[in-house]
Amino acid sequence: MNEDERESWAIAESMLEQARAMMREAEAAMETFRTGKEMNMLRCLRKGISKSDAEIRWSASVNAKNAISNNSFHVGLASMYYGAATANFARALYLRSRGGRPL
């Protein structure tokens, strides 16, 4: 491996790790949404509020909106990082196929 190939591969692995971190954040946000929804449903059922009204109340809450927003944001970042990693892996493979010859 030449220096350019090594550098491109290292950048790709770094981007891949960042993408995985963003997906973990997205999963945590989705879990927050699910947990909040279940807790809201139980709270509303104890008060005699119907399931459909509980759903409406939860979807209109700030916590639900924040969780969905965080999930969307982190999924978008993960997609960006996965794309950048793919480009750098492709560059490293291209450089390997050239056998270290200069561009």
N, C-alpha and C. Protein backbone atom coordinates (compact mmCIF):
# COMPACT_ATOMS: atom_id res chain seq x y z
N MET A 1 0.83 -1.18 0.00
CA MET A 1 0.00 0.00 0.00
C MET A 1 0.87 1.25 0.00
N ASN A 2 0.51 2.18 -0.82
CA ASN A 2 1.24 3.46 -0.82
C ASN A 2 0.60 4.42 0.19
N GLU A 3 1.24 5.55 0.38
CA GLU A 3 0.79 6.50 1.40
C GLU A 3 -0.60 7.07 1.10
N ASP A 4 -0.88 7.40 -0.16
CA ASP A 4 -2.21 7.92 -0.53
C ASP A 4 -3.31 6.90 -0.25
N GLU A 5 -3.03 5.65 -0.59
CA GLU A 5 -4.01 4.59 -0.36
C GLU A 5 -4.26 4.42 1.14
N ARG A 6 -3.20 4.40 1.93
CA ARG A 6 -3.33 4.26 3.38
C ARG A 6 -4.14 5.41 3.97
N GLU A 7 -3.84 6.61 3.52
CA GLU A 7 -4.55 7.80 4.02
C GLU A 7 -6.04 7.74 3.66
N SER A 8 -6.34 7.37 2.44
CA SER A 8 -7.72 7.28 2.00
C SER A 8 -8.46 6.20 2.78
N TRP A 9 -7.80 5.08 3.02
CA TRP A 9 -8.41 3.98 3.78
C TRP A 9 -8.67 4.41 5.22
N ALA A 10 -7.72 5.12 5.82
CA ALA A 10 -7.88 5.59 7.20
C ALA A 10 -9.03 6.59 7.31
N ILE A 11 -9.13 7.48 6.34
CA ILE A 11 -10.23 8.45 6.34
C ILE A 11 -11.57 7.71 6.21
N ALA A 12 -11.61 6.72 5.34
CA ALA A 12 -12.84 5.95 5.15
C ALA A 12 -13.25 5.24 6.44
N GLU A 13 -12.29 4.64 7.11
CA GLU A 13 -12.62 3.96 8.37
C GLU A 13 -13.09 4.94 9.43
N SER A 14 -12.49 6.11 9.46
CA SER A 14 -12.92 7.15 10.40
C SER A 14 -14.35 7.60 10.09
N MET A 15 -14.66 7.80 8.83
CA MET A 15 -16.01 8.19 8.43
C MET A 15 -17.02 7.09 8.75
N LEU A 16 -16.61 5.85 8.57
CA LEU A 16 -17.48 4.72 8.87
C LEU A 16 -17.80 4.68 10.36
N GLU A 17 -16.81 4.90 11.19
CA GLU A 17 -17.03 4.92 12.64
C GLU A 17 -17.95 6.08 13.03
N GLN A 18 -17.77 7.22 12.40
CA GLN A 18 -18.63 8.37 12.68
C GLN A 18 -20.07 8.06 12.26
N ALA A 19 -20.24 7.41 11.12
CA ALA A 19 -21.58 7.03 10.66
C ALA A 19 -22.24 6.08 11.64
N ARG A 20 -21.49 5.14 12.16
CA ARG A 20 -22.04 4.20 13.15
C ARG A 20 -22.45 4.94 14.42
N ALA A 21 -21.66 5.91 14.82
CA ALA A 21 -22.01 6.70 16.01
C ALA A 21 -23.31 7.47 15.77
N MET A 22 -23.48 8.01 14.58
CA MET A 22 -24.70 8.74 14.26
C MET A 22 -25.91 7.80 14.25
N MET A 23 -25.73 6.59 13.77
CA MET A 23 -26.83 5.62 13.77
C MET A 23 -27.19 5.22 15.20
N ARG A 24 -26.19 5.11 16.08
CA ARG A 24 -26.50 4.82 17.48
C ARG A 24 -27.32 5.96 18.09
N GLU A 25 -26.97 7.19 17.75
CA GLU A 25 -27.73 8.35 18.24
C GLU A 25 -29.16 8.31 17.69
N ALA A 26 -29.31 7.95 16.43
CA ALA A 26 -30.64 7.86 15.82
C ALA A 26 -31.47 6.77 16.51
N GLU A 27 -30.83 5.64 16.79
CA GLU A 27 -31.53 4.55 17.48
C GLU A 27 -31.95 4.97 18.88
N ALA A 28 -31.09 5.71 19.57
CA ALA A 28 -31.43 6.19 20.91
C ALA A 28 -32.62 7.15 20.85
N ALA A 29 -32.65 8.01 19.86
CA ALA A 29 -33.77 8.94 19.70
C ALA A 29 -35.06 8.18 19.42
N MET A 30 -34.98 7.14 18.60
CA MET A 30 -36.18 6.36 18.30
C MET A 30 -36.64 5.59 19.53
N GLU A 31 -35.73 5.12 20.31
CA GLU A 31 -36.08 4.42 21.55
C GLU A 31 -36.74 5.40 22.53
N THR A 32 -36.24 6.62 22.58
CA THR A 32 -36.86 7.66 23.42
C THR A 32 -38.29 7.90 22.97
N PHE A 33 -38.50 7.95 21.67
CA PHE A 33 -39.85 8.14 21.13
C PHE A 33 -40.76 6.99 21.54
N ARG A 34 -40.29 5.76 21.34
CA ARG A 34 -41.11 4.59 21.66
C ARG A 34 -41.45 4.52 23.15
N THR A 35 -40.44 4.73 23.97
CA THR A 35 -40.65 4.68 25.42
C THR A 35 -41.63 5.77 25.87
N GLY A 36 -41.43 6.96 25.37
CA GLY A 36 -42.34 8.06 25.72
C GLY A 36 -43.76 7.79 25.28
N LYS A 37 -43.89 7.20 24.11
CA LYS A 37 -45.23 6.89 23.59
C LYS A 37 -45.92 5.87 24.48
N GLU A 38 -45.19 4.83 24.88
CA GLU A 38 -45.77 3.81 25.75
C GLU A 38 -46.14 4.39 27.11
N MET A 39 -45.27 5.20 27.69
CA MET A 39 -45.56 5.79 28.99
C MET A 39 -46.75 6.74 28.90
N ASN A 40 -46.83 7.50 27.83
CA ASN A 40 -47.95 8.40 27.63
C ASN A 40 -49.25 7.61 27.49
N MET A 41 -49.19 6.51 26.79
CA MET A 41 -50.37 5.66 26.59
C MET A 41 -50.87 5.13 27.93
N LEU A 42 -49.95 4.64 28.76
CA LEU A 42 -50.34 4.12 30.07
C LEU A 42 -50.92 5.23 30.95
N ARG A 43 -50.29 6.39 30.92
CA ARG A 43 -50.77 7.53 31.72
C ARG A 43 -52.18 7.93 31.28
N CYS A 44 -52.39 7.98 29.98
CA CYS A 44 -53.71 8.36 29.48
C CYS A 44 -54.76 7.30 29.79
N LEU A 45 -54.40 6.03 29.70
CA LEU A 45 -55.35 4.97 30.02
C LEU A 45 -55.77 5.03 31.48
N ARG A 46 -54.83 5.35 32.37
CA ARG A 46 -55.17 5.49 33.80
C ARG A 46 -56.14 6.64 34.03
N LYS A 47 -56.06 7.67 33.20
CA LYS A 47 -56.95 8.83 33.33
C LYS A 47 -58.26 8.64 32.56
N GLY A 48 -58.38 7.51 31.86
CA GLY A 48 -59.60 7.25 31.10
C GLY A 48 -59.62 7.89 29.72
N ILE A 49 -58.47 8.25 29.20
CA ILE A 49 -58.38 8.86 27.87
C ILE A 49 -58.18 7.74 26.85
N SER A 50 -58.87 7.82 25.75
CA SER A 50 -58.81 6.76 24.73
C SER A 50 -57.42 6.66 24.10
N LYS A 51 -57.16 5.52 23.48
CA LYS A 51 -55.86 5.29 22.82
C LYS A 51 -55.63 6.29 21.70
N SER A 52 -56.66 6.56 20.93
CA SER A 52 -56.48 7.50 19.80
C SER A 52 -56.17 8.91 20.31
N ASP A 53 -56.83 9.32 21.38
CA ASP A 53 -56.51 10.64 21.95
C ASP A 53 -55.11 10.65 22.55
N ALA A 54 -54.71 9.54 23.14
CA ALA A 54 -53.36 9.44 23.70
C ALA A 54 -52.31 9.58 22.59
N GLU A 55 -52.59 8.95 21.45
CA GLU A 55 -51.69 9.04 20.29
C GLU A 55 -51.56 10.48 19.82
N ILE A 56 -52.70 11.15 19.73
CA ILE A 56 -52.70 12.54 19.28
C ILE A 56 -51.93 13.43 20.25
N ARG A 57 -52.16 13.22 21.53
CA ARG A 57 -51.47 14.02 22.55
C ARG A 57 -49.96 13.79 22.47
N TRP A 58 -49.58 12.52 22.32
CA TRP A 58 -48.14 12.22 22.28
C TRP A 58 -47.50 12.82 21.03
N SER A 59 -48.12 12.67 19.88
CA SER A 59 -47.52 13.18 18.65
C SER A 59 -47.43 14.71 18.64
N ALA A 60 -48.27 15.36 19.42
CA ALA A 60 -48.22 16.82 19.50
C ALA A 60 -47.27 17.33 20.58
N SER A 61 -46.71 16.43 21.37
CA SER A 61 -45.86 16.85 22.48
C SER A 61 -44.46 17.25 22.00
N VAL A 62 -43.83 18.08 22.78
CA VAL A 62 -42.47 18.55 22.46
C VAL A 62 -41.49 17.38 22.48
N ASN A 63 -41.64 16.48 23.45
CA ASN A 63 -40.72 15.33 23.55
C ASN A 63 -40.79 14.45 22.31
N ALA A 64 -41.99 14.22 21.81
CA ALA A 64 -42.15 13.40 20.60
C ALA A 64 -41.51 14.09 19.40
N LYS A 65 -41.78 15.38 19.27
CA LYS A 65 -41.22 16.13 18.14
C LYS A 65 -39.69 16.17 18.20
N ASN A 66 -39.15 16.35 19.39
CA ASN A 66 -37.69 16.36 19.54
C ASN A 66 -37.07 15.01 19.19
N ALA A 67 -37.72 13.94 19.65
CA ALA A 67 -37.19 12.60 19.37
C ALA A 67 -37.18 12.32 17.87
N ILE A 68 -38.27 12.65 17.20
CA ILE A 68 -38.34 12.43 15.75
C ILE A 68 -37.34 13.31 15.02
N SER A 69 -37.23 14.55 15.45
CA SER A 69 -36.27 15.47 14.84
C SER A 69 -34.84 14.97 15.01
N ASN A 70 -34.50 14.53 16.21
CA ASN A 70 -33.16 14.00 16.46
C ASN A 70 -32.89 12.76 15.63
N ASN A 71 -33.89 11.90 15.52
CA ASN A 71 -33.73 10.69 14.72
C ASN A 71 -33.47 11.05 13.26
N SER A 72 -34.26 11.94 12.71
CA SER A 72 -34.09 12.33 11.30
C SER A 72 -32.73 12.99 11.07
N PHE A 73 -32.34 13.86 11.98
CA PHE A 73 -31.07 14.56 11.86
C PHE A 73 -29.90 13.57 11.87
N HIS A 74 -29.91 12.64 12.81
CA HIS A 74 -28.79 11.71 12.92
C HIS A 74 -28.78 10.69 11.78
N VAL A 75 -29.93 10.30 11.29
CA VAL A 75 -29.97 9.41 10.12
C VAL A 75 -29.39 10.13 8.90
N GLY A 76 -29.73 11.40 8.76
CA GLY A 76 -29.17 12.19 7.65
C GLY A 76 -27.65 12.30 7.74
N LEU A 77 -27.15 12.57 8.94
CA LEU A 77 -25.69 12.63 9.12
C LEU A 77 -25.05 11.27 8.84
N ALA A 78 -25.67 10.22 9.32
CA ALA A 78 -25.11 8.88 9.08
C ALA A 78 -25.05 8.59 7.59
N SER A 79 -26.07 8.96 6.85
CA SER A 79 -26.07 8.75 5.40
C SER A 79 -24.92 9.51 4.74
N MET A 80 -24.71 10.74 5.20
CA MET A 80 -23.63 11.54 4.65
C MET A 80 -22.27 10.88 4.94
N TYR A 81 -22.08 10.45 6.18
CA TYR A 81 -20.81 9.82 6.54
C TYR A 81 -20.61 8.49 5.82
N TYR A 82 -21.67 7.70 5.67
CA TYR A 82 -21.55 6.44 4.91
C TYR A 82 -21.17 6.72 3.46
N GLY A 83 -21.76 7.76 2.87
CA GLY A 83 -21.41 8.12 1.50
C GLY A 83 -19.96 8.55 1.37
N ALA A 84 -19.49 9.34 2.34
CA ALA A 84 -18.09 9.78 2.32
C ALA A 84 -17.14 8.60 2.52
N ALA A 85 -17.52 7.69 3.39
CA ALA A 85 -16.70 6.50 3.61
C ALA A 85 -16.63 5.66 2.33
N THR A 86 -17.75 5.51 1.67
CA THR A 86 -17.79 4.74 0.43
C THR A 86 -16.87 5.36 -0.62
N ALA A 87 -16.92 6.67 -0.74
CA ALA A 87 -16.07 7.36 -1.71
C ALA A 87 -14.59 7.16 -1.39
N ASN A 88 -14.24 7.22 -0.12
CA ASN A 88 -12.84 7.04 0.25
C ASN A 88 -12.38 5.59 0.12
N PHE A 89 -13.27 4.64 0.40
CA PHE A 89 -12.91 3.23 0.17
C PHE A 89 -12.70 3.00 -1.33
N ALA A 90 -13.57 3.57 -2.16
CA ALA A 90 -13.42 3.44 -3.61
C ALA A 90 -12.11 4.06 -4.08
N ARG A 91 -11.77 5.21 -3.51
CA ARG A 91 -10.50 5.86 -3.88
C ARG A 91 -9.31 4.98 -3.50
N ALA A 92 -9.37 4.41 -2.30
CA ALA A 92 -8.27 3.54 -1.85
C ALA A 92 -8.14 2.32 -2.76
N LEU A 93 -9.27 1.73 -3.14
CA LEU A 93 -9.22 0.58 -4.04
C LEU A 93 -8.69 0.98 -5.42
N TYR A 94 -9.08 2.16 -5.89
CA TYR A 94 -8.58 2.65 -7.16
C TYR A 94 -7.06 2.83 -7.09
N LEU A 95 -6.60 3.44 -6.00
CA LEU A 95 -5.16 3.65 -5.85
C LEU A 95 -4.42 2.31 -5.77
N ARG A 96 -5.03 1.33 -5.13
CA ARG A 96 -4.40 0.00 -5.06
C ARG A 96 -4.31 -0.62 -6.45
N SER A 97 -5.36 -0.45 -7.25
CA SER A 97 -5.36 -1.05 -8.59
C SER A 97 -4.32 -0.40 -9.49
N ARG A 98 -3.96 0.84 -9.21
CA ARG A 98 -2.94 1.54 -10.00
C ARG A 98 -1.53 1.09 -9.60
N GLY A 99 -1.44 0.36 -8.50
CA GLY A 99 -0.15 -0.16 -8.08
C GLY A 99 0.83 0.88 -7.59
N GLY A 100 0.33 1.97 -7.05
CA GLY A 100 1.20 2.98 -6.49
C GLY A 100 1.72 3.97 -7.51
N ARG A 101 1.29 3.85 -8.77
CA ARG A 101 1.72 4.82 -9.77
C ARG A 101 1.08 6.16 -9.48
N PRO A 102 1.74 7.24 -9.74
CA PRO A 102 1.16 8.57 -9.47
C PRO A 102 -0.04 8.85 -10.35
N LEU A 103 -0.94 9.67 -9.84
CA LEU A 103 -2.12 10.05 -10.61
C LEU A 103 -1.70 10.89 -11.72
